[in-house]
Every structure is written in structure tokens, then in C-alpha cells.
Amino acid sequence: MASKGLELPINVIVIVAIAVLVLVVAAALFSSQFGAGAGTIQMEQAYGKGCQTLRSAYSCDRTKIDDVEVKDYKAPGETTRLDVICGQKYPGVTGAELQDACLRGCGCPV
């Protein structure tokens, strides 16, 4: 009879510990996904700024993709070239294909 009184608190402690573990794992999963999403949004905004500059200042000239610089993408005050941002937007694509993908994505004729 004396052991019955101890079983309930131990069971409750085990269940609470499992619940806390599940919540911690779920929080870690969601926070990592939201963090990646924020980085993607920031990259898309930088890409949009670079495309706007490519279209307005350089009339979609493919040779000027390397010259377009976007400020404050990676860190405040820093500039990042549009070709670098295009490489992040289109991973695995290189050379002329990357330039074509970048131009198409910017709404420029290829």
C-alpha cells in the first residue's frame, strides 16, 4: 500500500518530462524553419533591389550583372554584387546559364 502513494508522483514527473522534451524539440524545429525563411525573404528583397538597378541603370545589360551592387544585404553598410545574390537564388547554376536565369528572373529579355 505504501508504494501506491509514490507511483502517482513518479508517473506524473515522467509524463511532464516527456512533454517538456517534446515541446523543446518542436520549438527547435519551428525556430530553425522560421530562421531560414527570414533569410530567404532577405535574399529575395536584395535580389529585387539588384534587378531594379539592373533594369533602370543598365538597361538589362548582361555584362553589367557583376557591376550591380546591393547595400545592406549581408550586413549593414556592406555591399553584395548581384551575381553573388543570383548564385544564391539559383544554386547549382553557373556561367552563362546563371546570367540567363538572373536576367529572366529580373524580367529582362534573354
N, C-alpha and C. Protein backbone atom coordinates (compact mmCIF):
# COMPACT_ATOMS: atom_id res chain seq x y z
N MET A 1 0.80 -1.19 0.00
CA MET A 1 0.00 0.00 0.00
C MET A 1 0.86 1.27 0.00
N ALA A 2 1.98 1.25 0.67
CA ALA A 2 2.81 2.45 0.76
C ALA A 2 3.38 2.82 -0.61
N SER A 3 3.63 1.84 -1.49
CA SER A 3 4.19 2.14 -2.80
C SER A 3 3.17 2.79 -3.72
N LYS A 4 1.90 2.60 -3.50
CA LYS A 4 0.87 3.22 -4.33
C LYS A 4 0.94 4.75 -4.24
N GLY A 5 1.24 5.26 -3.08
CA GLY A 5 1.33 6.70 -2.89
C GLY A 5 2.50 7.32 -3.66
N LEU A 6 3.57 6.57 -3.90
CA LEU A 6 4.74 7.06 -4.62
C LEU A 6 4.60 6.89 -6.12
N GLU A 7 3.80 5.98 -6.58
CA GLU A 7 3.68 5.72 -8.02
C GLU A 7 3.09 6.91 -8.76
N LEU A 8 2.08 7.54 -8.22
CA LEU A 8 1.44 8.64 -8.90
C LEU A 8 2.39 9.81 -9.12
N PRO A 9 3.11 10.30 -8.13
CA PRO A 9 4.02 11.42 -8.38
C PRO A 9 5.13 11.06 -9.36
N ILE A 10 5.66 9.86 -9.32
CA ILE A 10 6.72 9.46 -10.25
C ILE A 10 6.17 9.41 -11.66
N ASN A 11 4.97 8.87 -11.85
CA ASN A 11 4.36 8.83 -13.18
C ASN A 11 4.12 10.24 -13.72
N VAL A 12 3.66 11.12 -12.88
CA VAL A 12 3.40 12.50 -13.29
C VAL A 12 4.71 13.17 -13.70
N ILE A 13 5.78 12.95 -12.93
CA ILE A 13 7.08 13.55 -13.25
C ILE A 13 7.58 13.04 -14.59
N VAL A 14 7.45 11.75 -14.86
CA VAL A 14 7.89 11.17 -16.14
C VAL A 14 7.08 11.76 -17.29
N ILE A 15 5.78 11.86 -17.14
CA ILE A 15 4.93 12.40 -18.20
C ILE A 15 5.26 13.87 -18.46
N VAL A 16 5.46 14.64 -17.41
CA VAL A 16 5.81 16.06 -17.57
C VAL A 16 7.17 16.19 -18.26
N ALA A 17 8.12 15.35 -17.90
CA ALA A 17 9.45 15.40 -18.52
C ALA A 17 9.36 15.09 -20.01
N ILE A 18 8.58 14.10 -20.37
CA ILE A 18 8.40 13.76 -21.80
C ILE A 18 7.71 14.91 -22.53
N ALA A 19 6.71 15.51 -21.92
CA ALA A 19 6.00 16.63 -22.55
C ALA A 19 6.94 17.81 -22.77
N VAL A 20 7.78 18.11 -21.79
CA VAL A 20 8.73 19.21 -21.94
C VAL A 20 9.73 18.90 -23.05
N LEU A 21 10.19 17.68 -23.13
CA LEU A 21 11.12 17.28 -24.18
C LEU A 21 10.49 17.45 -25.56
N VAL A 22 9.26 17.03 -25.69
CA VAL A 22 8.55 17.17 -26.97
C VAL A 22 8.39 18.65 -27.33
N LEU A 23 8.06 19.49 -26.37
CA LEU A 23 7.93 20.92 -26.64
C LEU A 23 9.25 21.56 -27.05
N VAL A 24 10.33 21.16 -26.41
CA VAL A 24 11.65 21.70 -26.75
C VAL A 24 12.04 21.30 -28.18
N VAL A 25 11.80 20.05 -28.54
CA VAL A 25 12.13 19.59 -29.89
C VAL A 25 11.26 20.32 -30.91
N ALA A 26 9.98 20.48 -30.64
CA ALA A 26 9.08 21.20 -31.56
C ALA A 26 9.51 22.66 -31.70
N ALA A 27 9.88 23.29 -30.62
CA ALA A 27 10.32 24.69 -30.69
C ALA A 27 11.60 24.82 -31.52
N ALA A 28 12.52 23.89 -31.34
CA ALA A 28 13.76 23.93 -32.12
C ALA A 28 13.48 23.73 -33.60
N LEU A 29 12.58 22.84 -33.92
CA LEU A 29 12.22 22.59 -35.31
C LEU A 29 11.61 23.83 -35.94
N PHE A 30 10.65 24.45 -35.27
CA PHE A 30 10.00 25.63 -35.82
C PHE A 30 10.93 26.82 -35.90
N SER A 31 11.76 27.01 -34.92
CA SER A 31 12.65 28.17 -34.94
C SER A 31 13.67 28.06 -36.07
N SER A 32 14.15 26.87 -36.36
CA SER A 32 15.12 26.73 -37.46
C SER A 32 14.44 26.95 -38.80
N GLN A 33 13.20 26.53 -38.94
CA GLN A 33 12.49 26.75 -40.20
C GLN A 33 12.16 28.22 -40.40
N PHE A 34 11.76 28.90 -39.33
CA PHE A 34 11.44 30.31 -39.46
C PHE A 34 12.70 31.12 -39.72
N GLY A 35 13.81 30.73 -39.13
CA GLY A 35 15.06 31.44 -39.38
C GLY A 35 15.48 31.34 -40.83
N ALA A 36 15.33 30.18 -41.43
CA ALA A 36 15.66 30.00 -42.84
C ALA A 36 14.72 30.82 -43.71
N GLY A 37 13.48 30.90 -43.32
CA GLY A 37 12.52 31.68 -44.09
C GLY A 37 12.86 33.15 -44.10
N ALA A 38 13.31 33.67 -42.98
CA ALA A 38 13.69 35.07 -42.90
C ALA A 38 14.88 35.36 -43.80
N GLY A 39 15.83 34.44 -43.86
CA GLY A 39 16.99 34.60 -44.74
C GLY A 39 16.58 34.60 -46.20
N THR A 40 15.62 33.77 -46.54
CA THR A 40 15.12 33.71 -47.91
C THR A 40 14.42 35.01 -48.28
N ILE A 41 13.64 35.54 -47.37
CA ILE A 41 12.95 36.81 -47.63
C ILE A 41 13.96 37.92 -47.84
N GLN A 42 14.99 37.94 -47.00
CA GLN A 42 16.03 38.97 -47.14
C GLN A 42 16.75 38.84 -48.48
N MET A 43 17.04 37.61 -48.90
CA MET A 43 17.70 37.38 -50.18
C MET A 43 16.81 37.84 -51.33
N GLU A 44 15.52 37.55 -51.26
CA GLU A 44 14.59 37.96 -52.31
C GLU A 44 14.49 39.48 -52.40
N GLN A 45 14.50 40.15 -51.26
CA GLN A 45 14.46 41.62 -51.27
C GLN A 45 15.73 42.19 -51.90
N ALA A 46 16.88 41.61 -51.56
CA ALA A 46 18.14 42.08 -52.15
C ALA A 46 18.15 41.81 -53.65
N TYR A 47 17.64 40.66 -54.06
CA TYR A 47 17.56 40.31 -55.48
C TYR A 47 16.66 41.31 -56.21
N GLY A 48 15.54 41.66 -55.60
CA GLY A 48 14.63 42.64 -56.21
C GLY A 48 15.28 44.00 -56.38
N LYS A 49 16.03 44.44 -55.36
CA LYS A 49 16.74 45.72 -55.46
C LYS A 49 17.78 45.68 -56.58
N GLY A 50 18.51 44.57 -56.64
CA GLY A 50 19.53 44.44 -57.68
C GLY A 50 18.92 44.41 -59.07
N CYS A 51 17.80 43.71 -59.21
CA CYS A 51 17.11 43.66 -60.51
C CYS A 51 16.63 45.03 -60.93
N GLN A 52 16.11 45.77 -59.97
CA GLN A 52 15.62 47.12 -60.27
C GLN A 52 16.77 47.98 -60.78
N THR A 53 17.92 47.88 -60.15
CA THR A 53 19.10 48.64 -60.59
C THR A 53 19.55 48.17 -61.96
N LEU A 54 19.57 46.86 -62.19
CA LEU A 54 19.99 46.32 -63.48
C LEU A 54 19.08 46.82 -64.60
N ARG A 55 17.78 46.85 -64.33
CA ARG A 55 16.84 47.30 -65.36
C ARG A 55 16.92 48.81 -65.59
N SER A 56 16.97 49.59 -64.51
CA SER A 56 16.89 51.04 -64.66
C SER A 56 18.22 51.68 -65.03
N ALA A 57 19.29 51.27 -64.39
CA ALA A 57 20.58 51.93 -64.63
C ALA A 57 21.37 51.31 -65.78
N TYR A 58 21.16 50.02 -66.02
CA TYR A 58 21.97 49.33 -67.03
C TYR A 58 21.16 48.74 -68.18
N SER A 59 19.88 49.01 -68.23
CA SER A 59 19.00 48.55 -69.31
C SER A 59 19.14 47.06 -69.58
N CYS A 60 19.21 46.27 -68.52
CA CYS A 60 19.29 44.80 -68.60
C CYS A 60 20.53 44.30 -69.34
N ASP A 61 21.61 45.05 -69.31
CA ASP A 61 22.85 44.63 -69.97
C ASP A 61 23.46 43.47 -69.19
N ARG A 62 23.57 42.30 -69.83
CA ARG A 62 24.06 41.10 -69.15
C ARG A 62 25.50 41.24 -68.68
N THR A 63 26.27 42.10 -69.30
CA THR A 63 27.67 42.27 -68.89
C THR A 63 27.79 43.12 -67.62
N LYS A 64 26.70 43.71 -67.18
CA LYS A 64 26.73 44.58 -66.00
C LYS A 64 26.21 43.89 -64.74
N ILE A 65 25.84 42.61 -64.83
CA ILE A 65 25.35 41.91 -63.64
C ILE A 65 26.39 41.95 -62.52
N ASP A 66 27.67 41.82 -62.89
CA ASP A 66 28.73 41.86 -61.89
C ASP A 66 28.93 43.26 -61.30
N ASP A 67 28.47 44.30 -61.99
CA ASP A 67 28.67 45.66 -61.53
C ASP A 67 27.57 46.15 -60.59
N VAL A 68 26.42 45.49 -60.61
CA VAL A 68 25.31 45.93 -59.76
C VAL A 68 25.61 45.53 -58.32
N GLU A 69 25.54 46.50 -57.42
CA GLU A 69 25.80 46.24 -56.00
C GLU A 69 24.55 46.55 -55.18
N VAL A 70 24.28 45.68 -54.23
CA VAL A 70 23.13 45.84 -53.34
C VAL A 70 23.67 46.09 -51.94
N LYS A 71 23.22 47.18 -51.32
CA LYS A 71 23.71 47.53 -49.99
C LYS A 71 22.89 46.85 -48.91
N ASP A 72 23.54 46.59 -47.80
CA ASP A 72 22.91 46.11 -46.56
C ASP A 72 22.26 44.73 -46.68
N TYR A 73 22.75 43.88 -47.59
CA TYR A 73 22.17 42.54 -47.71
C TYR A 73 22.70 41.62 -46.61
N LYS A 74 24.01 41.46 -46.55
CA LYS A 74 24.59 40.57 -45.53
C LYS A 74 24.77 41.26 -44.19
N ALA A 75 25.21 42.51 -44.25
CA ALA A 75 25.44 43.27 -43.02
C ALA A 75 25.23 44.75 -43.32
N PRO A 76 24.82 45.52 -42.34
CA PRO A 76 24.62 46.95 -42.57
C PRO A 76 25.90 47.62 -43.07
N GLY A 77 25.76 48.39 -44.13
CA GLY A 77 26.89 49.11 -44.69
C GLY A 77 27.67 48.33 -45.73
N GLU A 78 27.49 47.03 -45.80
CA GLU A 78 28.21 46.21 -46.79
C GLU A 78 27.45 46.16 -48.10
N THR A 79 28.18 45.95 -49.17
CA THR A 79 27.54 45.77 -50.47
C THR A 79 27.81 44.35 -50.97
N THR A 80 26.84 43.81 -51.69
CA THR A 80 26.96 42.47 -52.28
C THR A 80 26.59 42.60 -53.76
N ARG A 81 27.39 41.99 -54.62
CA ARG A 81 27.13 42.06 -56.05
C ARG A 81 25.93 41.20 -56.43
N LEU A 82 25.21 41.64 -57.46
CA LEU A 82 24.03 40.92 -57.93
C LEU A 82 24.37 39.51 -58.39
N ASP A 83 25.55 39.30 -58.99
CA ASP A 83 25.89 37.96 -59.45
C ASP A 83 26.02 36.98 -58.27
N VAL A 84 26.46 37.48 -57.11
CA VAL A 84 26.56 36.63 -55.92
C VAL A 84 25.16 36.28 -55.42
N ILE A 85 24.27 37.27 -55.42
CA ILE A 85 22.90 37.02 -54.98
C ILE A 85 22.20 36.05 -55.94
N CYS A 86 22.45 36.21 -57.23
CA CYS A 86 21.87 35.28 -58.22
C CYS A 86 22.38 33.86 -57.99
N GLY A 87 23.63 33.73 -57.63
CA GLY A 87 24.19 32.41 -57.33
C GLY A 87 23.51 31.76 -56.14
N GLN A 88 23.08 32.57 -55.18
CA GLN A 88 22.35 32.03 -54.03
C GLN A 88 20.91 31.71 -54.39
N LYS A 89 20.34 32.51 -55.26
CA LYS A 89 18.94 32.28 -55.66
C LYS A 89 18.83 31.06 -56.56
N TYR A 90 19.83 30.84 -57.41
CA TYR A 90 19.83 29.72 -58.34
C TYR A 90 21.04 28.82 -58.06
N PRO A 91 21.01 28.07 -56.97
CA PRO A 91 22.16 27.22 -56.63
C PRO A 91 22.37 26.12 -57.68
N GLY A 92 23.62 25.84 -57.96
CA GLY A 92 23.95 24.79 -58.91
C GLY A 92 23.99 25.27 -60.35
N VAL A 93 23.59 26.50 -60.61
CA VAL A 93 23.63 27.07 -61.96
C VAL A 93 24.85 27.98 -62.03
N THR A 94 25.62 27.87 -63.11
CA THR A 94 26.85 28.66 -63.21
C THR A 94 26.99 29.26 -64.61
N GLY A 95 27.95 30.16 -64.74
CA GLY A 95 28.33 30.72 -66.04
C GLY A 95 27.20 31.45 -66.75
N ALA A 96 27.13 31.21 -68.07
CA ALA A 96 26.13 31.89 -68.90
C ALA A 96 24.72 31.49 -68.50
N GLU A 97 24.55 30.25 -68.05
CA GLU A 97 23.21 29.81 -67.61
C GLU A 97 22.76 30.61 -66.38
N LEU A 98 23.70 30.92 -65.49
CA LEU A 98 23.36 31.72 -64.32
C LEU A 98 22.98 33.14 -64.74
N GLN A 99 23.73 33.70 -65.68
CA GLN A 99 23.38 35.04 -66.17
C GLN A 99 22.00 35.03 -66.80
N ASP A 100 21.69 34.02 -67.61
CA ASP A 100 20.37 33.92 -68.24
C ASP A 100 19.26 33.80 -67.20
N ALA A 101 19.49 32.94 -66.19
CA ALA A 101 18.49 32.75 -65.13
C ALA A 101 18.29 34.06 -64.36
N CYS A 102 19.38 34.75 -64.09
CA CYS A 102 19.31 36.01 -63.36
C CYS A 102 18.54 37.06 -64.18
N LEU A 103 18.84 37.16 -65.45
CA LEU A 103 18.16 38.12 -66.33
C LEU A 103 16.67 37.79 -66.43
N ARG A 104 16.35 36.51 -66.63
CA ARG A 104 14.93 36.10 -66.73
C ARG A 104 14.20 36.44 -65.43
N GLY A 105 14.83 36.12 -64.31
CA GLY A 105 14.22 36.39 -63.02
C GLY A 105 14.00 37.87 -62.78
N CYS A 106 14.85 38.70 -63.37
CA CYS A 106 14.71 40.15 -63.25
C CYS A 106 13.71 40.72 -64.24
N GLY A 107 13.18 39.89 -65.12
CA GLY A 107 12.23 40.37 -66.11
C GLY A 107 12.89 40.99 -67.33
N CYS A 108 14.15 40.63 -67.56
CA CYS A 108 14.87 41.15 -68.72
C CYS A 108 14.80 40.14 -69.86
N PRO A 109 14.82 40.61 -71.10
CA PRO A 109 14.84 39.68 -72.23
C PRO A 109 16.20 38.97 -72.29
N VAL A 110 16.16 37.71 -72.69
CA VAL A 110 17.41 36.94 -72.78
C VAL A 110 17.71 36.66 -74.23
